[in-house]
Every structure is written in C-alpha cells, then in structure tokens.
Amino acid sequence: MDKLWEQNYHQQEEKFWWSIARREITLSLISKLKLSNKAHILDIGCLAGCLIQGLYKKGFKNVYGVDISEQSIVQCKKRA
C-alpha cells in the first residue's frame, strides 16, 4: 500500500463525513444488540482505531482490532 496515501487516509478517517457516518451506523447497530460491556468485539480492518475508540467510550472493555497495515496498527495503538 502507498504509505503517503495511507497516511492521508488515517488523517481523514477521524473527520471525513463518510467515515463518521459509517462509524455511527456501526455503533448504533452494536447498541441495538444490547451486548454486555464485557462482550468480546473484533474490528477486522480496524485502520487507525476510530471505531475501537468509540466502543471504549460506549463502555465496552474487550475490544480488539486487526489490520494488515503495520502503520494502521501503530496508529490504532496510539489511539486506543
């Protein structure tokens, strides 16, 4: 993956309207499941961890992320 493109994507992930909307929809769907805050949640393709961060803010304790991008994993660890 092009490192410059990926870096720009990570910057956009937090503030771009599409990313925000997708994250809010995902959080809303998870909320409707009425899961325990101890439920284990895996974010596949976690990017820089914005969804994981949102899940932590909702009170979930066991949230994990995986991604094929080393840069994404570094960013995710910094954020969440």
PDB file of N, CA and C in Angstrom:
ATOM      1  N   MET A   1       0.846  -1.173   0.000  1.00  0.00           N
ATOM      2  CA  MET A   1       0.000   0.000   0.000  1.00  0.00           C
ATOM      3  C   MET A   1       0.894   1.240   0.000  1.00  0.00           C
ATOM      4  N   ASP A   2       0.501   2.239  -0.728  1.00  0.00           N
ATOM      5  CA  ASP A   2       1.239   3.502  -0.796  1.00  0.00           C
ATOM      6  C   ASP A   2       1.207   4.180   0.572  1.00  0.00           C
ATOM      7  N   LYS A   3       2.381   4.414   1.144  1.00  0.00           N
ATOM      8  CA  LYS A   3       2.472   4.963   2.503  1.00  0.00           C
ATOM      9  C   LYS A   3       1.875   6.363   2.607  1.00  0.00           C
ATOM     10  N   LEU A   4       2.079   7.212   1.605  1.00  0.00           N
ATOM     11  CA  LEU A   4       1.531   8.567   1.643  1.00  0.00           C
ATOM     12  C   LEU A   4       0.002   8.527   1.591  1.00  0.00           C
ATOM     13  N   TRP A   5      -0.536   7.697   0.717  1.00  0.00           N
ATOM     14  CA  TRP A   5      -1.990   7.552   0.619  1.00  0.00           C
ATOM     15  C   TRP A   5      -2.552   7.068   1.957  1.00  0.00           C
ATOM     16  N   GLU A   6      -1.873   6.078   2.535  1.00  0.00           N
ATOM     17  CA  GLU A   6      -2.336   5.517   3.795  1.00  0.00           C
ATOM     18  C   GLU A   6      -2.299   6.558   4.914  1.00  0.00           C
ATOM     19  N   GLN A   7      -1.259   7.356   4.972  1.00  0.00           N
ATOM     20  CA  GLN A   7      -1.154   8.403   5.984  1.00  0.00           C
ATOM     21  C   GLN A   7      -2.289   9.411   5.831  1.00  0.00           C
ATOM     22  N   ASN A   8      -2.582   9.816   4.603  1.00  0.00           N
ATOM     23  CA  ASN A   8      -3.691  10.740   4.353  1.00  0.00           C
ATOM     24  C   ASN A   8      -5.028  10.118   4.754  1.00  0.00           C
ATOM     25  N   TYR A   9      -5.176   8.830   4.483  1.00  0.00           N
ATOM     26  CA  TYR A   9      -6.412   8.141   4.835  1.00  0.00           C
ATOM     27  C   TYR A   9      -6.622   8.158   6.346  1.00  0.00           C
ATOM     28  N   HIS A  10      -5.558   7.906   7.102  1.00  0.00           N
ATOM     29  CA  HIS A  10      -5.668   7.910   8.557  1.00  0.00           C
ATOM     30  C   HIS A  10      -6.061   9.290   9.076  1.00  0.00           C
ATOM     31  N   GLN A  11      -5.580  10.322   8.447  1.00  0.00           N
ATOM     32  CA  GLN A  11      -5.951  11.680   8.852  1.00  0.00           C
ATOM     33  C   GLN A  11      -7.419  11.952   8.552  1.00  0.00           C
ATOM     34  N   GLN A  12      -7.916  11.424   7.450  1.00  0.00           N
ATOM     35  CA  GLN A  12      -9.309  11.631   7.051  1.00  0.00           C
ATOM     36  C   GLN A  12     -10.277  10.757   7.845  1.00  0.00           C
ATOM     37  N   GLU A  13      -9.794   9.609   8.301  1.00  0.00           N
ATOM     38  CA  GLU A  13     -10.664   8.639   8.970  1.00  0.00           C
ATOM     39  C   GLU A  13     -11.408   9.254  10.156  1.00  0.00           C
ATOM     40  N   GLU A  14     -10.784  10.130  10.870  1.00  0.00           N
ATOM     41  CA  GLU A  14     -11.390  10.699  12.068  1.00  0.00           C
ATOM     42  C   GLU A  14     -12.429  11.773  11.754  1.00  0.00           C
ATOM     43  N   LYS A  15     -12.257  12.523  10.664  1.00  0.00           N
ATOM     44  CA  LYS A  15     -13.099  13.700  10.426  1.00  0.00           C
ATOM     45  C   LYS A  15     -13.917  13.689   9.141  1.00  0.00           C
ATOM     46  N   PHE A  16     -13.653  12.772   8.237  1.00  0.00           N
ATOM     47  CA  PHE A  16     -14.371  12.738   6.967  1.00  0.00           C
ATOM     48  C   PHE A  16     -15.800  12.249   7.197  1.00  0.00           C
ATOM     49  N   TRP A  17     -16.761  12.919   6.586  1.00  0.00           N
ATOM     50  CA  TRP A  17     -18.179  12.649   6.851  1.00  0.00           C
ATOM     51  C   TRP A  17     -18.552  11.185   6.627  1.00  0.00           C
ATOM     52  N   TRP A  18     -17.995  10.558   5.589  1.00  0.00           N
ATOM     53  CA  TRP A  18     -18.333   9.168   5.289  1.00  0.00           C
ATOM     54  C   TRP A  18     -17.839   8.252   6.411  1.00  0.00           C
ATOM     55  N   SER A  19     -16.630   8.482   6.872  1.00  0.00           N
ATOM     56  CA  SER A  19     -16.073   7.666   7.950  1.00  0.00           C
ATOM     57  C   SER A  19     -16.865   7.846   9.241  1.00  0.00           C
ATOM     58  N   ILE A  20     -17.243   9.070   9.529  1.00  0.00           N
ATOM     59  CA  ILE A  20     -18.040   9.355  10.724  1.00  0.00           C
ATOM     60  C   ILE A  20     -19.393   8.655  10.632  1.00  0.00           C
ATOM     61  N   ALA A  21     -20.053   8.782   9.487  1.00  0.00           N
ATOM     62  CA  ALA A  21     -21.371   8.166   9.300  1.00  0.00           C
ATOM     63  C   ALA A  21     -21.291   6.652   9.415  1.00  0.00           C
ATOM     64  N   ARG A  22     -20.311   6.043   8.784  1.00  0.00           N
ATOM     65  CA  ARG A  22     -20.150   4.590   8.838  1.00  0.00           C
ATOM     66  C   ARG A  22     -19.906   4.127  10.280  1.00  0.00           C
ATOM     67  N   ARG A  23     -19.076   4.872  11.002  1.00  0.00           N
ATOM     68  CA  ARG A  23     -18.773   4.547  12.395  1.00  0.00           C
ATOM     69  C   ARG A  23     -20.028   4.676  13.266  1.00  0.00           C
ATOM     70  N   GLU A  24     -20.786   5.751  13.080  1.00  0.00           N
ATOM     71  CA  GLU A  24     -22.011   5.963  13.863  1.00  0.00           C
ATOM     72  C   GLU A  24     -23.051   4.880  13.576  1.00  0.00           C
ATOM     73  N   ILE A  25     -23.165   4.475  12.324  1.00  0.00           N
ATOM     74  CA  ILE A  25     -24.106   3.394  11.967  1.00  0.00           C
ATOM     75  C   ILE A  25     -23.675   2.099  12.641  1.00  0.00           C
ATOM     76  N   THR A  26     -22.389   1.805  12.595  1.00  0.00           N
ATOM     77  CA  THR A  26     -21.875   0.585  13.215  1.00  0.00           C
ATOM     78  C   THR A  26     -22.113   0.604  14.722  1.00  0.00           C
ATOM     79  N   LEU A  27     -21.820   1.731  15.367  1.00  0.00           N
ATOM     80  CA  LEU A  27     -22.052   1.840  16.810  1.00  0.00           C
ATOM     81  C   LEU A  27     -23.532   1.704  17.146  1.00  0.00           C
ATOM     82  N   SER A  28     -24.391   2.262  16.308  1.00  0.00           N
ATOM     83  CA  SER A  28     -25.834   2.157  16.521  1.00  0.00           C
ATOM     84  C   SER A  28     -26.301   0.707  16.407  1.00  0.00           C
ATOM     85  N   LEU A  29     -25.814  -0.003  15.408  1.00  0.00           N
ATOM     86  CA  LEU A  29     -26.185  -1.408  15.233  1.00  0.00           C
ATOM     87  C   LEU A  29     -25.706  -2.260  16.406  1.00  0.00           C
ATOM     88  N   ILE A  30     -24.503  -1.989  16.873  1.00  0.00           N
ATOM     89  CA  ILE A  30     -23.976  -2.733  18.023  1.00  0.00           C
ATOM     90  C   ILE A  30     -24.808  -2.430  19.266  1.00  0.00           C
ATOM     91  N   SER A  31     -25.210  -1.178  19.435  1.00  0.00           N
ATOM     92  CA  SER A  31     -26.044  -0.809  20.587  1.00  0.00           C
ATOM     93  C   SER A  31     -27.373  -1.559  20.573  1.00  0.00           C
ATOM     94  N   LYS A  32     -27.943  -1.764  19.396  1.00  0.00           N
ATOM     95  CA  LYS A  32     -29.227  -2.463  19.280  1.00  0.00           C
ATOM     96  C   LYS A  32     -29.113  -3.932  19.678  1.00  0.00           C
ATOM     97  N   LEU A  33     -27.901  -4.481  19.644  1.00  0.00           N
ATOM     98  CA  LEU A  33     -27.705  -5.874  20.040  1.00  0.00           C
ATOM     99  C   LEU A  33     -27.770  -6.049  21.553  1.00  0.00           C
ATOM    100  N   LYS A  34     -27.683  -4.937  22.281  1.00  0.00           N
ATOM    101  CA  LYS A  34     -27.741  -4.945  23.750  1.00  0.00           C
ATOM    102  C   LYS A  34     -26.731  -5.923  24.350  1.00  0.00           C
ATOM    103  N   LEU A  35     -25.503  -5.831  23.859  1.00  0.00           N
ATOM    104  CA  LEU A  35     -24.430  -6.685  24.346  1.00  0.00           C
ATOM    105  C   LEU A  35     -23.957  -6.222  25.718  1.00  0.00           C
ATOM    106  N   SER A  36     -23.462  -7.144  26.479  1.00  0.00           N
ATOM    107  CA  SER A  36     -22.834  -6.822  27.755  1.00  0.00           C
ATOM    108  C   SER A  36     -21.566  -6.009  27.472  1.00  0.00           C
ATOM    109  N   ASN A  37     -21.198  -5.121  28.385  1.00  0.00           N
ATOM    110  CA  ASN A  37     -19.967  -4.357  28.174  1.00  0.00           C
ATOM    111  C   ASN A  37     -18.735  -5.248  28.294  1.00  0.00           C
ATOM    112  N   LYS A  38     -18.944  -6.513  28.671  1.00  0.00           N
ATOM    113  CA  LYS A  38     -17.854  -7.493  28.728  1.00  0.00           C
ATOM    114  C   LYS A  38     -17.768  -8.332  27.449  1.00  0.00           C
ATOM    115  N   ALA A  39     -18.667  -8.091  26.495  1.00  0.00           N
ATOM    116  CA  ALA A  39     -18.665  -8.840  25.237  1.00  0.00           C
ATOM    117  C   ALA A  39     -17.336  -8.626  24.511  1.00  0.00           C
ATOM    118  N   HIS A  40     -16.903  -9.638  23.800  1.00  0.00           N
ATOM    119  CA  HIS A  40     -15.672  -9.543  23.015  1.00  0.00           C
ATOM    120  C   HIS A  40     -16.050  -9.085  21.604  1.00  0.00           C
ATOM    121  N   ILE A  41     -15.426  -8.008  21.158  1.00  0.00           N
ATOM    122  CA  ILE A  41     -15.715  -7.451  19.836  1.00  0.00           C
ATOM    123  C   ILE A  41     -14.408  -7.364  19.064  1.00  0.00           C
ATOM    124  N   LEU A  42     -14.417  -7.866  17.835  1.00  0.00           N
ATOM    125  CA  LEU A  42     -13.244  -7.830  16.965  1.00  0.00           C
ATOM    126  C   LEU A  42     -13.539  -6.931  15.774  1.00  0.00           C
ATOM    127  N   ASP A  43     -12.733  -5.908  15.601  1.00  0.00           N
ATOM    128  CA  ASP A  43     -12.832  -4.996  14.463  1.00  0.00           C
ATOM    129  C   ASP A  43     -11.805  -5.449  13.429  1.00  0.00           C
ATOM    130  N   ILE A  44     -12.284  -6.083  12.367  1.00  0.00           N
ATOM    131  CA  ILE A  44     -11.402  -6.576  11.315  1.00  0.00           C
ATOM    132  C   ILE A  44     -11.212  -5.451  10.306  1.00  0.00           C
ATOM    133  N   GLY A  45      -9.956  -5.092  10.067  1.00  0.00           N
ATOM    134  CA  GLY A  45      -9.659  -3.933   9.226  1.00  0.00           C
ATOM    135  C   GLY A  45      -9.859  -2.664  10.041  1.00  0.00           C
ATOM    136  N   CYS A  46      -9.247  -2.643  11.223  1.00  0.00           N
ATOM    137  CA  CYS A  46      -9.521  -1.577  12.199  1.00  0.00           C
ATOM    138  C   CYS A  46      -8.937  -0.214  11.825  1.00  0.00           C
ATOM    139  N   LEU A  47      -8.113  -0.158  10.787  1.00  0.00           N
ATOM    140  CA  LEU A  47      -7.495   1.103  10.377  1.00  0.00           C
ATOM    141  C   LEU A  47      -6.784   1.737  11.566  1.00  0.00           C
ATOM    142  N   ALA A  48      -7.076   2.979  11.869  1.00  0.00           N
ATOM    143  CA  ALA A  48      -6.363   3.664  12.959  1.00  0.00           C
ATOM    144  C   ALA A  48      -7.114   3.595  14.283  1.00  0.00           C
ATOM    145  N   GLY A  49      -8.172   2.809  14.361  1.00  0.00           N
ATOM    146  CA  GLY A  49      -8.828   2.548  15.634  1.00  0.00           C
ATOM    147  C   GLY A  49      -9.949   3.484  16.040  1.00  0.00           C
ATOM    148  N   CYS A  50     -10.510   4.238  15.131  1.00  0.00           N
ATOM    149  CA  CYS A  50     -11.597   5.155  15.498  1.00  0.00           C
ATOM    150  C   CYS A  50     -12.819   4.406  16.022  1.00  0.00           C
ATOM    151  N   LEU A  51     -13.176   3.297  15.395  1.00  0.00           N
ATOM    152  CA  LEU A  51     -14.325   2.519  15.867  1.00  0.00           C
ATOM    153  C   LEU A  51     -14.019   1.912  17.230  1.00  0.00           C
ATOM    154  N   ILE A  52     -12.818   1.408  17.397  1.00  0.00           N
ATOM    155  CA  ILE A  52     -12.427   0.827  18.684  1.00  0.00           C
ATOM    156  C   ILE A  52     -12.527   1.892  19.777  1.00  0.00           C
ATOM    157  N   GLN A  53     -12.048   3.064  19.483  1.00  0.00           N
ATOM    158  CA  GLN A  53     -12.124   4.164  20.440  1.00  0.00           C
ATOM    159  C   GLN A  53     -13.582   4.470  20.794  1.00  0.00           C
ATOM    160  N   GLY A  54     -14.449   4.473  19.792  1.00  0.00           N
ATOM    161  CA  GLY A  54     -15.878   4.709  20.029  1.00  0.00           C
ATOM    162  C   GLY A  54     -16.502   3.627  20.889  1.00  0.00           C
ATOM    163  N   LEU A  55     -16.078   2.386  20.692  1.00  0.00           N
ATOM    164  CA  LEU A  55     -16.595   1.283  21.502  1.00  0.00           C
ATOM    165  C   LEU A  55     -16.129   1.399  22.947  1.00  0.00           C
ATOM    166  N   TYR A  56     -14.881   1.805  23.145  1.00  0.00           N
ATOM    167  CA  TYR A  56     -14.391   2.044  24.512  1.00  0.00           C
ATOM    168  C   TYR A  56     -15.215   3.137  25.190  1.00  0.00           C
ATOM    169  N   LYS A  57     -15.522   4.193  24.451  1.00  0.00           N
ATOM    170  CA  LYS A  57     -16.314   5.292  25.017  1.00  0.00           C
ATOM    171  C   LYS A  57     -17.722   4.836  25.389  1.00  0.00           C
ATOM    172  N   LYS A  58     -18.229   3.828  24.674  1.00  0.00           N
ATOM    173  CA  LYS A  58     -19.560   3.274  24.979  1.00  0.00           C
ATOM    174  C   LYS A  58     -19.510   2.299  26.154  1.00  0.00           C
ATOM    175  N   GLY A  59     -18.309   2.039  26.667  1.00  0.00           N
ATOM    176  CA  GLY A  59     -18.182   1.190  27.839  1.00  0.00           C
ATOM    177  C   GLY A  59     -17.736  -0.235  27.589  1.00  0.00           C
ATOM    178  N   PHE A  60     -17.494  -0.597  26.350  1.00  0.00           N
ATOM    179  CA  PHE A  60     -17.036  -1.955  26.063  1.00  0.00           C
ATOM    180  C   PHE A  60     -15.586  -2.110  26.513  1.00  0.00           C
ATOM    181  N   LYS A  61     -15.299  -3.257  27.119  1.00  0.00           N
ATOM    182  CA  LYS A  61     -13.987  -3.486  27.719  1.00  0.00           C
ATOM    183  C   LYS A  61     -13.083  -4.390  26.880  1.00  0.00           C
ATOM    184  N   ASN A  62     -13.670  -5.321  26.142  1.00  0.00           N
ATOM    185  CA  ASN A  62     -12.910  -6.342  25.409  1.00  0.00           C
ATOM    186  C   ASN A  62     -13.019  -6.123  23.909  1.00  0.00           C
ATOM    187  N   VAL A  63     -12.358  -5.080  23.447  1.00  0.00           N
ATOM    188  CA  VAL A  63     -12.417  -4.715  22.036  1.00  0.00           C
ATOM    189  C   VAL A  63     -11.028  -4.929  21.430  1.00  0.00           C
ATOM    190  N   TYR A  64     -11.001  -5.597  20.300  1.00  0.00           N
ATOM    191  CA  TYR A  64      -9.742  -5.925  19.644  1.00  0.00           C
ATOM    192  C   TYR A  64      -9.810  -5.509  18.187  1.00  0.00           C
ATOM    193  N   GLY A  65      -8.662  -5.222  17.619  1.00  0.00           N
ATOM    194  CA  GLY A  65      -8.605  -4.859  16.211  1.00  0.00           C
ATOM    195  C   GLY A  65      -7.467  -5.568  15.511  1.00  0.00           C
ATOM    196  N   VAL A  66      -7.696  -5.871  14.235  1.00  0.00           N
ATOM    197  CA  VAL A  66      -6.648  -6.446  13.391  1.00  0.00           C
ATOM    198  C   VAL A  66      -6.644  -5.682  12.067  1.00  0.00           C
ATOM    199  N   ASP A  67      -5.471  -5.589  11.496  1.00  0.00           N
ATOM    200  CA  ASP A  67      -5.325  -4.938  10.198  1.00  0.00           C
ATOM    201  C   ASP A  67      -4.053  -5.463   9.549  1.00  0.00           C
ATOM    202  N   ILE A  68      -4.001  -5.458   8.224  1.00  0.00           N
ATOM    203  CA  ILE A  68      -2.803  -5.923   7.535  1.00  0.00           C
ATOM    204  C   ILE A  68      -1.741  -4.837   7.442  1.00  0.00           C
ATOM    205  N   SER A  69      -2.118  -3.624   7.731  1.00  0.00           N
ATOM    206  CA  SER A  69      -1.202  -2.495   7.628  1.00  0.00           C
ATOM    207  C   SER A  69      -0.486  -2.252   8.952  1.00  0.00           C
ATOM    208  N   GLU A  70       0.824  -2.294   8.920  1.00  0.00           N
ATOM    209  CA  GLU A  70       1.610  -2.016  10.126  1.00  0.00           C
ATOM    210  C   GLU A  70       1.389  -0.581  10.594  1.00  0.00           C
ATOM    211  N   GLN A  71       1.269   0.349   9.649  1.00  0.00           N
ATOM    212  CA  GLN A  71       1.034   1.755  10.005  1.00  0.00           C
ATOM    213  C   GLN A  71      -0.320   1.906  10.703  1.00  0.00           C
ATOM    214  N   SER A  72      -1.320   1.184  10.240  1.00  0.00           N
ATOM    215  CA  SER A  72      -2.633   1.227  10.889  1.00  0.00           C
ATOM    216  C   SER A  72      -2.548   0.718  12.317  1.00  0.00           C
ATOM    217  N   ILE A  73      -1.825  -0.359  12.517  1.00  0.00           N
ATOM    218  CA  ILE A  73      -1.697  -0.930  13.850  1.00  0.00           C
ATOM    219  C   ILE A  73      -1.004   0.053  14.790  1.00  0.00           C
ATOM    220  N   VAL A  74       0.038   0.709  14.309  1.00  0.00           N
ATOM    221  CA  VAL A  74       0.740   1.711  15.121  1.00  0.00           C
ATOM    222  C   VAL A  74      -0.220   2.840  15.502  1.00  0.00           C
ATOM    223  N   GLN A  75      -0.976   3.346  14.529  1.00  0.00           N
ATOM    224  CA  GLN A  75      -1.931   4.422  14.790  1.00  0.00           C
ATOM    225  C   GLN A  75      -3.025   3.979  15.765  1.00  0.00           C
ATOM    226  N   CYS A  76      -3.485   2.766  15.584  1.00  0.00           N
ATOM    227  CA  CYS A  76      -4.534   2.236  16.451  1.00  0.00           C
ATOM    228  C   CYS A  76      -4.042   2.123  17.887  1.00  0.00           C
ATOM    229  N   LYS A  77      -2.841   1.641  18.085  1.00  0.00           N
ATOM    230  CA  LYS A  77      -2.287   1.526  19.435  1.00  0.00           C
ATOM    231  C   LYS A  77      -2.147   2.888  20.094  1.00  0.00           C
ATOM    232  N   LYS A  78      -1.809   3.891  19.315  1.00  0.00           N
ATOM    233  CA  LYS A  78      -1.697   5.249  19.857  1.00  0.00           C
ATOM    234  C   LYS A  78      -3.065   5.767  20.292  1.00  0.00           C
ATOM    235  N   ARG A  79      -4.085   5.462  19.510  1.00  0.00           N
ATOM    236  CA  ARG A  79      -5.431   5.989  19.765  1.00  0.00           C
ATOM    237  C   ARG A  79      -6.163   5.203  20.834  1.00  0.00           C
ATOM    238  N   ALA A  80      -6.081   3.904  20.782  1.00  0.00           N
ATOM    239  CA  ALA A  80      -6.916   3.088  21.670  1.00  0.00           C
ATOM    240  C   ALA A  80      -6.061   2.140  22.468  1.00  0.00           C
TER     241      ALA A  80
END
